[in-house]
């Protein structure tokens, strides 16, 4: 069982009202004019991506750990946040937008197909926008510009999880799903019809092929 997340609501509210950055660091890192020590200091300056993992939206058997101002208050004022995730075989991160951040997506291992759409006008005012698509292998990365609709699929040929690190250009990036799943929630390899329903046809075919390879009883 994962550890219960720490509630930093009261601390965050106080940090956001501090007049200067150094006042904020004083509140975070000192007590009575002395630098914190031991576990207290460690908890304020080190974020452990191994703790408090939760199920990743859209991934069968996947996990995620998000480092943002809510879980790591020292990020307040930094303009960055980070997520570590493991996306299960044929798992899909459904189309979504980060309204306040550009995303740098790094694949640590595995294989992930991705796609995104920019705002209207890329090919001209009267031309429909294309889906910009690609495939990442281990130690390759891509960028999803702020406000772009984007998604990822773990299409690993060996049906192994894909491990991911994501850096976002905001301490509070936000996530807005573009579609509602027909059955509610997010897509996993256990509900292939739902997965296919929310993807462009060419990528739905990728999921169908992946399911036949990795979960023949589900395809």
N, C-alpha and C. Protein backbone atom coordinates (compact mmCIF):
# COMPACT_ATOMS: atom_id res chain seq x y z
N UNK A 1 0.85 -1.20 0.00
CA UNK A 1 0.00 0.00 0.00
C UNK A 1 0.88 1.24 0.00
N UNK A 2 0.49 2.25 -0.79
CA UNK A 2 1.24 3.50 -0.86
C UNK A 2 1.07 4.30 0.42
N UNK A 3 2.11 5.05 0.76
CA UNK A 3 2.01 5.94 1.91
C UNK A 3 0.96 7.01 1.65
N UNK A 4 0.28 7.45 2.71
CA UNK A 4 -0.71 8.53 2.56
C UNK A 4 0.02 9.82 2.21
N UNK A 5 -0.47 10.56 1.20
CA UNK A 5 0.20 11.81 0.83
C UNK A 5 0.12 12.84 1.94
N UNK A 6 1.14 13.66 2.05
CA UNK A 6 1.17 14.73 3.04
C UNK A 6 0.27 15.87 2.59
N UNK A 7 -0.53 16.40 3.51
CA UNK A 7 -1.39 17.55 3.20
C UNK A 7 -0.60 18.83 3.46
N UNK A 8 -0.22 19.50 2.37
CA UNK A 8 0.57 20.73 2.48
C UNK A 8 -0.26 21.99 2.28
N UNK A 9 -1.59 21.87 2.35
CA UNK A 9 -2.47 22.99 2.01
C UNK A 9 -2.16 24.24 2.83
N UNK A 10 -2.06 24.09 4.14
CA UNK A 10 -1.83 25.24 5.02
C UNK A 10 -0.46 25.86 4.75
N UNK A 11 0.56 25.03 4.59
CA UNK A 11 1.91 25.53 4.32
C UNK A 11 1.94 26.28 2.99
N UNK A 12 1.32 25.72 1.96
CA UNK A 12 1.32 26.36 0.63
C UNK A 12 0.65 27.73 0.69
N UNK A 13 -0.46 27.81 1.41
CA UNK A 13 -1.17 29.09 1.53
C UNK A 13 -0.27 30.15 2.16
N UNK A 14 0.50 29.78 3.18
CA UNK A 14 1.41 30.73 3.82
C UNK A 14 2.57 31.10 2.90
N UNK A 15 3.11 30.12 2.20
CA UNK A 15 4.23 30.39 1.30
C UNK A 15 3.84 31.36 0.19
N UNK A 16 2.61 31.26 -0.26
CA UNK A 16 2.15 32.13 -1.36
C UNK A 16 1.93 33.57 -0.91
N UNK A 17 1.88 33.80 0.39
CA UNK A 17 1.69 35.17 0.89
C UNK A 17 2.99 35.81 1.35
N UNK A 18 4.09 35.05 1.37
CA UNK A 18 5.37 35.63 1.78
C UNK A 18 5.80 36.70 0.77
N UNK A 19 6.33 37.81 1.29
CA UNK A 19 6.61 38.98 0.45
C UNK A 19 7.76 38.76 -0.53
N UNK A 20 8.74 37.95 -0.16
CA UNK A 20 9.91 37.74 -1.01
C UNK A 20 10.26 36.26 -1.07
N UNK A 21 11.10 35.91 -2.05
CA UNK A 21 11.52 34.52 -2.19
C UNK A 21 12.30 34.05 -0.97
N UNK A 22 13.17 34.92 -0.43
CA UNK A 22 13.98 34.49 0.72
C UNK A 22 13.11 34.29 1.95
N UNK A 23 12.05 35.08 2.09
CA UNK A 23 11.11 34.85 3.19
C UNK A 23 10.45 33.47 3.04
N UNK A 24 10.16 33.11 1.80
CA UNK A 24 9.55 31.81 1.55
C UNK A 24 10.52 30.68 1.92
N UNK A 25 11.79 30.84 1.54
CA UNK A 25 12.78 29.81 1.89
C UNK A 25 13.02 29.76 3.39
N UNK A 26 12.94 30.90 4.06
CA UNK A 26 13.07 30.89 5.52
C UNK A 26 11.97 30.05 6.15
N UNK A 27 10.75 30.22 5.65
CA UNK A 27 9.62 29.45 6.19
C UNK A 27 9.80 27.95 5.93
N UNK A 28 10.33 27.63 4.75
CA UNK A 28 10.49 26.24 4.36
C UNK A 28 11.66 25.54 5.05
N UNK A 29 12.77 26.24 5.17
CA UNK A 29 14.04 25.57 5.49
C UNK A 29 14.64 25.92 6.84
N UNK A 30 14.01 26.82 7.59
CA UNK A 30 14.58 27.21 8.88
C UNK A 30 13.54 27.13 9.99
N UNK A 31 14.03 27.14 11.21
CA UNK A 31 13.17 27.18 12.40
C UNK A 31 13.94 27.92 13.49
N UNK A 32 13.38 29.04 13.94
CA UNK A 32 14.04 29.83 14.97
C UNK A 32 15.39 30.37 14.54
N UNK A 33 15.54 30.68 13.27
CA UNK A 33 16.80 31.23 12.78
C UNK A 33 17.87 30.20 12.50
N UNK A 34 17.52 28.92 12.60
CA UNK A 34 18.48 27.84 12.35
C UNK A 34 17.99 26.97 11.19
N UNK A 35 18.94 26.49 10.38
CA UNK A 35 18.61 25.59 9.29
C UNK A 35 18.04 24.29 9.84
N UNK A 36 16.98 23.80 9.24
CA UNK A 36 16.44 22.50 9.63
C UNK A 36 17.51 21.43 9.44
N UNK A 37 17.34 20.30 10.10
CA UNK A 37 18.30 19.21 9.97
C UNK A 37 17.56 17.88 9.91
N UNK A 38 18.30 16.84 9.56
CA UNK A 38 17.75 15.49 9.58
C UNK A 38 16.56 15.31 8.65
N UNK A 39 15.59 14.54 9.14
CA UNK A 39 14.41 14.20 8.34
C UNK A 39 13.62 15.43 7.93
N UNK A 40 13.53 16.42 8.82
CA UNK A 40 12.75 17.62 8.50
C UNK A 40 13.31 18.34 7.28
N UNK A 41 14.64 18.47 7.22
CA UNK A 41 15.26 19.12 6.07
C UNK A 41 15.11 18.25 4.82
N UNK A 42 15.34 16.96 4.97
CA UNK A 42 15.23 16.04 3.83
C UNK A 42 13.86 16.12 3.18
N UNK A 43 12.80 16.14 4.00
CA UNK A 43 11.45 16.18 3.46
C UNK A 43 11.17 17.46 2.69
N UNK A 44 11.88 18.54 3.04
CA UNK A 44 11.65 19.82 2.37
C UNK A 44 12.46 19.98 1.08
N UNK A 45 13.59 19.28 0.95
CA UNK A 45 14.48 19.53 -0.19
C UNK A 45 14.65 18.33 -1.13
N UNK A 46 14.17 17.15 -0.73
CA UNK A 46 14.30 15.95 -1.58
C UNK A 46 12.92 15.38 -1.86
N UNK A 47 12.63 15.13 -3.14
CA UNK A 47 11.37 14.51 -3.54
C UNK A 47 11.65 13.07 -3.94
N UNK A 48 10.95 12.13 -3.32
CA UNK A 48 11.17 10.71 -3.56
C UNK A 48 10.12 10.19 -4.54
N UNK A 49 10.53 9.92 -5.78
CA UNK A 49 9.59 9.42 -6.79
C UNK A 49 9.18 7.98 -6.55
N UNK A 50 9.78 7.30 -5.55
CA UNK A 50 9.41 5.92 -5.24
C UNK A 50 8.21 5.84 -4.30
N UNK A 51 7.84 6.95 -3.67
CA UNK A 51 6.79 6.94 -2.66
C UNK A 51 5.48 7.46 -3.22
N UNK A 52 4.38 6.99 -2.61
CA UNK A 52 3.04 7.52 -2.88
C UNK A 52 2.67 7.45 -4.35
N UNK A 53 3.05 6.36 -5.02
CA UNK A 53 2.67 6.22 -6.43
C UNK A 53 1.18 5.90 -6.52
N UNK A 54 0.58 6.28 -7.63
CA UNK A 54 -0.84 5.99 -7.86
C UNK A 54 -1.01 5.49 -9.28
N UNK A 55 -2.18 4.95 -9.59
CA UNK A 55 -2.42 4.42 -10.93
C UNK A 55 -2.37 5.54 -11.96
N UNK A 56 -1.70 5.27 -13.06
CA UNK A 56 -1.62 6.28 -14.12
C UNK A 56 -2.91 6.26 -14.93
N UNK A 57 -3.51 7.41 -15.19
CA UNK A 57 -4.69 7.45 -16.04
C UNK A 57 -4.38 6.88 -17.42
N UNK A 58 -5.14 5.87 -17.82
CA UNK A 58 -4.97 5.33 -19.16
C UNK A 58 -3.94 4.24 -19.29
N UNK A 59 -3.38 3.71 -18.21
CA UNK A 59 -2.37 2.68 -18.34
C UNK A 59 -2.71 1.45 -17.52
N UNK A 60 -2.76 0.29 -18.15
CA UNK A 60 -3.01 -0.94 -17.41
C UNK A 60 -1.77 -1.29 -16.60
N UNK A 61 -1.94 -1.33 -15.28
CA UNK A 61 -0.82 -1.68 -14.42
C UNK A 61 0.23 -0.60 -14.31
N UNK A 62 -0.06 0.59 -14.79
CA UNK A 62 0.92 1.67 -14.74
C UNK A 62 0.81 2.48 -13.47
N UNK A 63 1.88 3.20 -13.16
CA UNK A 63 1.89 4.05 -11.97
C UNK A 63 2.44 5.42 -12.32
N UNK A 64 2.12 6.38 -11.48
CA UNK A 64 2.62 7.74 -11.68
C UNK A 64 2.91 8.39 -10.34
N UNK A 65 3.85 9.31 -10.35
CA UNK A 65 4.20 10.09 -9.16
C UNK A 65 4.46 11.51 -9.63
N UNK A 66 3.71 12.46 -9.11
CA UNK A 66 3.73 13.83 -9.59
C UNK A 66 4.39 14.74 -8.56
N UNK A 67 5.39 15.48 -9.02
CA UNK A 67 6.08 16.45 -8.17
C UNK A 67 5.67 17.84 -8.61
N UNK A 68 4.75 18.46 -7.84
CA UNK A 68 4.30 19.82 -8.13
C UNK A 68 4.21 20.58 -6.81
N UNK A 69 3.65 21.78 -6.83
CA UNK A 69 3.64 22.57 -5.60
C UNK A 69 2.84 21.90 -4.49
N UNK A 70 1.86 21.09 -4.86
CA UNK A 70 1.03 20.44 -3.85
C UNK A 70 1.80 19.36 -3.11
N UNK A 71 2.64 18.61 -3.82
CA UNK A 71 3.38 17.53 -3.20
C UNK A 71 4.81 17.91 -2.81
N UNK A 72 5.34 19.01 -3.37
CA UNK A 72 6.72 19.44 -3.13
C UNK A 72 6.75 20.97 -3.10
N UNK A 73 6.37 21.57 -1.97
CA UNK A 73 6.15 23.02 -1.91
C UNK A 73 7.34 23.90 -2.27
N UNK A 74 8.56 23.36 -2.21
CA UNK A 74 9.72 24.18 -2.57
C UNK A 74 9.67 24.60 -4.04
N UNK A 75 8.80 23.97 -4.83
CA UNK A 75 8.64 24.34 -6.24
C UNK A 75 7.91 25.66 -6.43
N UNK A 76 7.27 26.17 -5.39
CA UNK A 76 6.55 27.44 -5.53
C UNK A 76 7.51 28.53 -6.02
N UNK A 77 7.13 29.19 -7.10
CA UNK A 77 7.95 30.23 -7.68
C UNK A 77 9.00 29.74 -8.66
N UNK A 78 9.12 28.41 -8.84
CA UNK A 78 10.17 27.85 -9.70
C UNK A 78 9.77 27.81 -11.17
N UNK A 79 8.47 27.69 -11.44
CA UNK A 79 8.01 27.58 -12.82
C UNK A 79 8.19 26.21 -13.43
N UNK A 80 8.44 25.17 -12.62
CA UNK A 80 8.61 23.81 -13.15
C UNK A 80 7.91 22.79 -12.26
N UNK A 81 7.62 21.64 -12.86
CA UNK A 81 7.16 20.47 -12.12
C UNK A 81 7.58 19.24 -12.91
N UNK A 82 7.45 18.06 -12.29
CA UNK A 82 7.93 16.85 -12.95
C UNK A 82 7.06 15.66 -12.56
N UNK A 83 6.94 14.72 -13.50
CA UNK A 83 6.18 13.50 -13.26
C UNK A 83 7.00 12.30 -13.71
N UNK A 84 7.01 11.26 -12.90
CA UNK A 84 7.56 9.96 -13.32
C UNK A 84 6.40 9.01 -13.49
N UNK A 85 6.42 8.22 -14.56
CA UNK A 85 5.30 7.31 -14.81
C UNK A 85 5.79 6.03 -15.46
N UNK A 86 5.00 4.98 -15.28
CA UNK A 86 5.20 3.72 -15.98
C UNK A 86 3.89 3.38 -16.67
N UNK A 87 3.92 3.29 -18.00
CA UNK A 87 2.71 3.03 -18.78
C UNK A 87 2.71 1.58 -19.23
N UNK A 88 1.66 0.84 -18.86
CA UNK A 88 1.59 -0.59 -19.15
C UNK A 88 1.46 -0.90 -20.62
N UNK A 89 1.68 -2.16 -21.00
CA UNK A 89 1.58 -2.56 -22.41
C UNK A 89 0.22 -2.20 -23.00
N UNK A 90 0.23 -1.55 -24.16
CA UNK A 90 -0.97 -1.09 -24.88
C UNK A 90 -1.72 -0.01 -24.12
N UNK A 91 -1.16 0.48 -23.03
CA UNK A 91 -1.81 1.54 -22.27
C UNK A 91 -1.84 2.84 -23.05
N UNK A 92 -2.87 3.63 -22.80
CA UNK A 92 -3.07 4.89 -23.51
C UNK A 92 -3.25 6.01 -22.51
N UNK A 93 -2.51 7.10 -22.69
CA UNK A 93 -2.80 8.35 -21.99
C UNK A 93 -3.72 9.13 -22.91
N UNK A 94 -4.98 9.26 -22.51
CA UNK A 94 -6.00 9.80 -23.41
C UNK A 94 -5.71 11.25 -23.80
N UNK A 95 -6.23 11.72 -24.93
CA UNK A 95 -5.98 13.09 -25.37
C UNK A 95 -6.29 14.11 -24.28
N UNK A 96 -5.34 15.00 -24.04
CA UNK A 96 -5.50 15.99 -22.97
C UNK A 96 -4.67 17.24 -23.29
N UNK A 97 -4.88 18.26 -22.49
CA UNK A 97 -4.19 19.54 -22.64
C UNK A 97 -3.64 19.96 -21.28
N UNK A 98 -2.46 20.55 -21.27
CA UNK A 98 -1.96 21.25 -20.08
C UNK A 98 -2.16 22.74 -20.32
N UNK A 99 -3.12 23.36 -19.65
CA UNK A 99 -3.46 24.75 -19.97
C UNK A 99 -2.39 25.77 -19.58
N UNK A 100 -1.48 25.38 -18.68
CA UNK A 100 -0.50 26.36 -18.20
C UNK A 100 0.95 25.92 -18.39
N UNK A 101 1.20 24.92 -19.25
CA UNK A 101 2.58 24.44 -19.35
C UNK A 101 2.88 23.76 -20.68
N UNK A 102 4.11 23.93 -21.14
CA UNK A 102 4.69 23.08 -22.17
C UNK A 102 5.25 21.83 -21.50
N UNK A 103 5.13 20.69 -22.15
CA UNK A 103 5.58 19.41 -21.60
C UNK A 103 6.78 18.88 -22.38
N UNK A 104 7.84 18.53 -21.65
CA UNK A 104 8.97 17.81 -22.25
C UNK A 104 8.86 16.36 -21.80
N UNK A 105 8.64 15.46 -22.76
CA UNK A 105 8.34 14.05 -22.50
C UNK A 105 9.57 13.22 -22.86
N UNK A 106 10.16 12.56 -21.87
CA UNK A 106 11.35 11.73 -22.07
C UNK A 106 11.01 10.27 -21.81
N UNK A 107 11.28 9.41 -22.80
CA UNK A 107 11.07 7.98 -22.63
C UNK A 107 12.37 7.35 -22.13
N UNK A 108 12.33 6.79 -20.94
CA UNK A 108 13.52 6.17 -20.35
C UNK A 108 13.77 4.81 -20.97
N UNK A 109 12.73 4.00 -21.09
CA UNK A 109 12.84 2.72 -21.78
C UNK A 109 11.48 2.32 -22.33
N UNK A 110 11.49 1.37 -23.26
CA UNK A 110 10.26 0.94 -23.90
C UNK A 110 10.08 1.60 -25.26
N UNK A 111 8.82 1.66 -25.70
CA UNK A 111 8.48 2.26 -26.99
C UNK A 111 7.12 2.92 -26.86
N UNK A 112 7.01 4.18 -27.24
CA UNK A 112 5.76 4.93 -27.10
C UNK A 112 5.46 5.68 -28.40
N UNK A 113 4.24 5.48 -28.91
CA UNK A 113 3.74 6.29 -30.02
C UNK A 113 3.05 7.52 -29.43
N UNK A 114 3.17 8.66 -30.11
CA UNK A 114 2.53 9.87 -29.59
C UNK A 114 1.94 10.68 -30.74
N UNK A 115 1.06 11.59 -30.38
CA UNK A 115 0.51 12.51 -31.35
C UNK A 115 0.06 13.78 -30.67
N UNK A 116 0.08 14.89 -31.42
CA UNK A 116 -0.45 16.14 -30.87
C UNK A 116 -0.96 17.04 -31.99
N UNK A 117 -1.84 17.95 -31.61
CA UNK A 117 -2.39 18.93 -32.53
C UNK A 117 -2.17 20.32 -31.97
N UNK A 118 -1.71 21.22 -32.84
CA UNK A 118 -1.51 22.61 -32.46
C UNK A 118 -2.77 23.42 -32.73
N UNK A 119 -2.72 24.69 -32.42
CA UNK A 119 -3.85 25.58 -32.71
C UNK A 119 -4.08 25.69 -34.22
N UNK A 120 -5.25 26.16 -34.62
CA UNK A 120 -5.59 26.31 -36.03
C UNK A 120 -4.62 27.25 -36.74
N UNK A 121 -4.36 26.95 -38.02
CA UNK A 121 -3.54 27.84 -38.83
C UNK A 121 -2.19 27.29 -39.21
N UNK A 122 -1.83 26.10 -38.76
CA UNK A 122 -0.50 25.55 -39.06
C UNK A 122 -0.25 25.47 -40.56
N UNK A 123 -1.25 25.01 -41.32
CA UNK A 123 -1.11 24.86 -42.77
C UNK A 123 -1.87 25.92 -43.54
N UNK A 124 -2.35 26.92 -42.84
CA UNK A 124 -3.12 27.98 -43.49
C UNK A 124 -4.49 28.11 -42.86
N UNK A 125 -5.15 29.25 -43.06
CA UNK A 125 -6.42 29.53 -42.37
C UNK A 125 -7.57 28.61 -42.74
N UNK A 126 -7.54 28.03 -43.94
CA UNK A 126 -8.68 27.22 -44.39
C UNK A 126 -8.35 25.73 -44.46
N UNK A 127 -7.21 25.34 -43.89
CA UNK A 127 -6.77 23.94 -43.98
C UNK A 127 -6.88 23.27 -42.62
N UNK A 128 -7.56 22.10 -42.54
CA UNK A 128 -7.66 21.40 -41.26
C UNK A 128 -6.28 21.08 -40.69
N UNK A 129 -6.16 21.16 -39.38
CA UNK A 129 -4.88 20.86 -38.75
C UNK A 129 -4.58 19.37 -38.80
N UNK A 130 -3.33 18.99 -39.09
CA UNK A 130 -2.94 17.59 -39.05
C UNK A 130 -2.59 17.16 -37.63
N UNK A 131 -2.61 15.85 -37.40
CA UNK A 131 -2.06 15.30 -36.16
C UNK A 131 -0.57 15.08 -36.40
N UNK A 132 0.26 15.67 -35.57
CA UNK A 132 1.71 15.50 -35.66
C UNK A 132 2.06 14.24 -34.87
N UNK A 133 2.59 13.23 -35.55
CA UNK A 133 2.78 11.92 -34.94
C UNK A 133 4.24 11.51 -34.93
N UNK A 134 4.60 10.65 -33.99
CA UNK A 134 5.95 10.12 -33.95
C UNK A 134 6.04 8.91 -33.04
N UNK A 135 7.20 8.31 -33.01
CA UNK A 135 7.48 7.14 -32.17
C UNK A 135 8.76 7.39 -31.40
N UNK A 136 8.71 7.18 -30.10
CA UNK A 136 9.89 7.33 -29.25
C UNK A 136 10.43 5.97 -28.84
N UNK A 137 11.75 5.85 -28.86
CA UNK A 137 12.44 4.71 -28.28
C UNK A 137 13.22 5.18 -27.06
N UNK A 138 13.87 4.25 -26.38
CA UNK A 138 14.55 4.56 -25.12
C UNK A 138 15.50 5.74 -25.27
N UNK A 139 15.46 6.65 -24.29
CA UNK A 139 16.33 7.82 -24.22
C UNK A 139 16.07 8.83 -25.34
N UNK A 140 14.84 8.85 -25.84
CA UNK A 140 14.41 9.87 -26.79
C UNK A 140 13.30 10.70 -26.16
N UNK A 141 13.20 11.96 -26.57
CA UNK A 141 12.19 12.84 -25.99
C UNK A 141 11.50 13.67 -27.05
N UNK A 142 10.38 14.28 -26.67
CA UNK A 142 9.67 15.20 -27.54
C UNK A 142 9.01 16.28 -26.69
N UNK A 143 8.51 17.30 -27.36
CA UNK A 143 7.88 18.43 -26.67
C UNK A 143 6.43 18.55 -27.12
N UNK A 144 5.53 18.73 -26.15
CA UNK A 144 4.13 19.05 -26.43
C UNK A 144 3.92 20.51 -26.02
N UNK A 145 3.77 21.41 -27.00
CA UNK A 145 3.63 22.83 -26.67
C UNK A 145 2.42 23.12 -25.79
N UNK A 146 2.53 24.15 -24.99
CA UNK A 146 1.43 24.55 -24.10
C UNK A 146 0.14 24.69 -24.89
N UNK A 147 -0.93 24.08 -24.38
CA UNK A 147 -2.23 24.18 -25.01
C UNK A 147 -2.48 23.17 -26.10
N UNK A 148 -1.46 22.41 -26.52
CA UNK A 148 -1.66 21.42 -27.58
C UNK A 148 -2.39 20.20 -27.04
N UNK A 149 -3.22 19.60 -27.88
CA UNK A 149 -3.89 18.34 -27.54
C UNK A 149 -2.90 17.22 -27.82
N UNK A 150 -2.64 16.37 -26.84
CA UNK A 150 -1.65 15.32 -27.05
C UNK A 150 -2.02 14.03 -26.33
N UNK A 151 -1.43 12.93 -26.79
CA UNK A 151 -1.71 11.61 -26.23
C UNK A 151 -0.50 10.71 -26.47
N UNK A 152 -0.44 9.60 -25.71
CA UNK A 152 0.64 8.62 -25.85
C UNK A 152 0.06 7.21 -25.78
N UNK A 153 0.71 6.28 -26.50
CA UNK A 153 0.34 4.87 -26.49
C UNK A 153 1.61 4.05 -26.30
N UNK A 154 1.58 3.09 -25.37
CA UNK A 154 2.70 2.17 -25.22
C UNK A 154 2.53 1.03 -26.22
N UNK A 155 3.27 1.11 -27.32
CA UNK A 155 3.17 0.11 -28.38
C UNK A 155 4.42 -0.76 -28.43
N UNK A 156 4.97 -1.07 -27.28
CA UNK A 156 6.20 -1.85 -27.21
C UNK A 156 6.02 -3.22 -27.86
N UNK A 157 6.90 -3.61 -28.79
CA UNK A 157 6.75 -4.91 -29.45
C UNK A 157 6.94 -6.08 -28.50
N UNK A 158 7.64 -5.89 -27.39
CA UNK A 158 7.85 -6.98 -26.44
C UNK A 158 6.86 -6.92 -25.27
N UNK A 159 5.85 -6.03 -25.37
CA UNK A 159 4.76 -5.97 -24.38
C UNK A 159 5.27 -5.69 -22.97
N UNK A 160 6.25 -4.81 -22.86
CA UNK A 160 6.78 -4.42 -21.57
C UNK A 160 6.33 -3.00 -21.22
N UNK A 161 6.34 -2.66 -19.93
CA UNK A 161 5.99 -1.28 -19.54
C UNK A 161 6.97 -0.27 -20.13
N UNK A 162 6.49 0.94 -20.30
CA UNK A 162 7.33 2.05 -20.74
C UNK A 162 7.52 3.00 -19.57
N UNK A 163 8.76 3.29 -19.22
CA UNK A 163 9.05 4.20 -18.11
C UNK A 163 9.34 5.59 -18.65
N UNK A 164 8.72 6.59 -18.02
CA UNK A 164 8.64 7.93 -18.57
C UNK A 164 9.02 8.96 -17.51
N UNK A 165 9.70 10.01 -17.95
CA UNK A 165 9.90 11.20 -17.12
C UNK A 165 9.37 12.40 -17.89
N UNK A 166 8.57 13.22 -17.23
CA UNK A 166 7.95 14.38 -17.86
C UNK A 166 8.31 15.62 -17.05
N UNK A 167 8.80 16.65 -17.74
CA UNK A 167 9.04 17.95 -17.13
C UNK A 167 8.06 18.95 -17.71
N UNK A 168 7.42 19.72 -16.85
CA UNK A 168 6.41 20.70 -17.26
C UNK A 168 6.86 22.10 -16.89
N UNK A 169 6.61 23.05 -17.78
CA UNK A 169 7.06 24.42 -17.58
C UNK A 169 6.14 25.25 -16.71
N UNK A 170 5.64 24.65 -15.66
CA UNK A 170 4.82 25.34 -14.66
C UNK A 170 4.84 24.52 -13.39
N UNK A 171 4.83 25.19 -12.25
CA UNK A 171 4.73 24.46 -10.98
C UNK A 171 3.32 23.94 -10.74
N UNK A 172 2.35 24.45 -11.52
CA UNK A 172 0.95 24.06 -11.40
C UNK A 172 0.35 23.97 -12.81
N UNK A 173 0.74 22.94 -13.59
CA UNK A 173 0.42 22.92 -15.02
C UNK A 173 -1.04 22.67 -15.35
N UNK A 174 -1.72 21.89 -14.52
CA UNK A 174 -3.10 21.53 -14.80
C UNK A 174 -3.20 20.52 -15.94
N UNK A 175 -4.27 19.73 -15.93
CA UNK A 175 -4.53 18.75 -16.98
C UNK A 175 -6.02 18.76 -17.30
N UNK A 176 -6.35 18.93 -18.58
CA UNK A 176 -7.75 18.94 -19.01
C UNK A 176 -7.95 17.85 -20.06
N UNK A 177 -8.73 16.79 -19.76
CA UNK A 177 -9.02 15.77 -20.77
C UNK A 177 -9.91 16.35 -21.86
N UNK A 178 -9.67 15.94 -23.10
CA UNK A 178 -10.42 16.46 -24.23
C UNK A 178 -11.70 15.69 -24.46
N UNK A 179 -11.72 14.42 -24.08
CA UNK A 179 -12.90 13.59 -24.30
C UNK A 179 -13.25 12.86 -23.02
N UNK A 180 -14.52 12.53 -22.88
CA UNK A 180 -14.97 11.66 -21.80
C UNK A 180 -15.02 10.23 -22.32
N UNK A 181 -14.48 9.32 -21.54
CA UNK A 181 -14.57 7.92 -21.93
C UNK A 181 -16.02 7.48 -21.94
N UNK A 182 -16.44 6.64 -22.91
CA UNK A 182 -17.82 6.16 -22.93
C UNK A 182 -18.26 5.50 -21.64
N UNK A 183 -17.34 4.81 -20.97
CA UNK A 183 -17.68 4.13 -19.72
C UNK A 183 -17.26 4.94 -18.51
N UNK A 184 -16.76 6.18 -18.73
CA UNK A 184 -16.26 6.99 -17.62
C UNK A 184 -14.82 6.66 -17.31
N UNK A 185 -14.10 7.61 -16.74
CA UNK A 185 -12.72 7.35 -16.34
C UNK A 185 -11.77 7.38 -17.51
N UNK A 186 -10.75 6.52 -17.47
CA UNK A 186 -9.70 6.51 -18.47
C UNK A 186 -9.60 5.14 -19.12
N UNK A 187 -8.84 5.07 -20.20
CA UNK A 187 -8.76 3.86 -21.00
C UNK A 187 -7.63 2.96 -20.52
N UNK A 188 -7.90 1.65 -20.47
CA UNK A 188 -6.86 0.67 -20.19
C UNK A 188 -6.99 -0.46 -21.19
N UNK A 189 -6.05 -1.37 -21.14
CA UNK A 189 -6.09 -2.50 -22.06
C UNK A 189 -7.25 -3.44 -21.75
N UNK A 190 -7.94 -3.24 -20.64
CA UNK A 190 -9.07 -4.10 -20.32
C UNK A 190 -10.37 -3.60 -20.94
N UNK A 191 -10.37 -2.39 -21.51
CA UNK A 191 -11.58 -1.89 -22.18
C UNK A 191 -11.21 -1.38 -23.57
N UNK A 192 -10.83 -2.29 -24.49
CA UNK A 192 -10.30 -1.89 -25.79
C UNK A 192 -11.26 -1.08 -26.62
N UNK A 193 -12.56 -1.33 -26.51
CA UNK A 193 -13.51 -0.54 -27.29
C UNK A 193 -13.48 0.92 -26.86
N UNK A 194 -13.34 1.16 -25.56
CA UNK A 194 -13.23 2.53 -25.06
C UNK A 194 -11.95 3.19 -25.57
N UNK A 195 -10.86 2.43 -25.59
CA UNK A 195 -9.59 2.96 -26.07
C UNK A 195 -9.73 3.42 -27.52
N UNK A 196 -10.26 2.56 -28.35
CA UNK A 196 -10.36 2.86 -29.77
C UNK A 196 -11.30 4.03 -30.03
N UNK A 197 -12.31 4.18 -29.18
CA UNK A 197 -13.34 5.19 -29.42
C UNK A 197 -12.81 6.61 -29.30
N UNK A 198 -11.72 6.81 -28.55
CA UNK A 198 -11.27 8.18 -28.31
C UNK A 198 -9.98 8.53 -29.05
N UNK A 199 -9.54 7.66 -29.96
CA UNK A 199 -8.32 7.91 -30.71
C UNK A 199 -8.61 8.13 -32.19
N UNK A 200 -7.76 8.89 -32.89
CA UNK A 200 -7.87 8.98 -34.34
C UNK A 200 -7.79 7.58 -34.95
N UNK A 201 -8.46 7.34 -36.08
CA UNK A 201 -8.52 5.99 -36.66
C UNK A 201 -7.15 5.34 -36.84
N UNK A 202 -6.15 6.11 -37.30
CA UNK A 202 -4.85 5.51 -37.57
C UNK A 202 -4.18 5.03 -36.29
N UNK A 203 -4.45 5.70 -35.15
CA UNK A 203 -3.86 5.26 -33.89
C UNK A 203 -4.72 4.22 -33.20
N UNK A 204 -6.02 4.25 -33.45
CA UNK A 204 -6.87 3.17 -32.95
C UNK A 204 -6.42 1.83 -33.51
N UNK A 205 -5.95 1.85 -34.76
CA UNK A 205 -5.45 0.61 -35.37
C UNK A 205 -4.18 0.14 -34.69
N UNK A 206 -3.36 1.09 -34.19
CA UNK A 206 -2.16 0.73 -33.44
C UNK A 206 -2.54 -0.01 -32.16
N UNK A 207 -3.57 0.50 -31.47
CA UNK A 207 -4.04 -0.15 -30.24
C UNK A 207 -4.57 -1.54 -30.54
N UNK A 208 -5.35 -1.67 -31.62
CA UNK A 208 -5.91 -2.97 -31.99
C UNK A 208 -4.80 -3.99 -32.23
N UNK A 209 -3.77 -3.59 -32.96
CA UNK A 209 -2.65 -4.48 -33.23
C UNK A 209 -1.91 -4.84 -31.95
N UNK A 210 -1.71 -3.84 -31.08
CA UNK A 210 -1.01 -4.08 -29.82
C UNK A 210 -1.78 -5.04 -28.93
N UNK A 211 -3.09 -4.85 -28.85
CA UNK A 211 -3.92 -5.73 -28.02
C UNK A 211 -3.87 -7.17 -28.53
N UNK A 212 -3.89 -7.33 -29.84
CA UNK A 212 -3.83 -8.68 -30.41
C UNK A 212 -2.51 -9.35 -30.07
N UNK A 213 -1.45 -8.57 -29.96
CA UNK A 213 -0.13 -9.10 -29.65
C UNK A 213 0.04 -9.37 -28.16
N UNK A 214 -0.39 -8.43 -27.33
CA UNK A 214 -0.10 -8.51 -25.89
C UNK A 214 -1.24 -9.10 -25.06
N UNK A 215 -2.48 -8.89 -25.51
CA UNK A 215 -3.66 -9.37 -24.78
C UNK A 215 -4.63 -9.99 -25.78
N UNK A 216 -4.28 -11.12 -26.38
CA UNK A 216 -5.13 -11.69 -27.43
C UNK A 216 -6.55 -11.98 -26.99
N UNK A 217 -6.76 -12.23 -25.70
CA UNK A 217 -8.11 -12.50 -25.21
C UNK A 217 -8.93 -11.23 -25.07
N UNK A 218 -8.27 -10.02 -25.12
CA UNK A 218 -8.98 -8.75 -24.99
C UNK A 218 -9.28 -8.12 -26.35
N UNK A 219 -8.49 -8.44 -27.35
CA UNK A 219 -8.62 -7.80 -28.65
C UNK A 219 -9.91 -8.20 -29.34
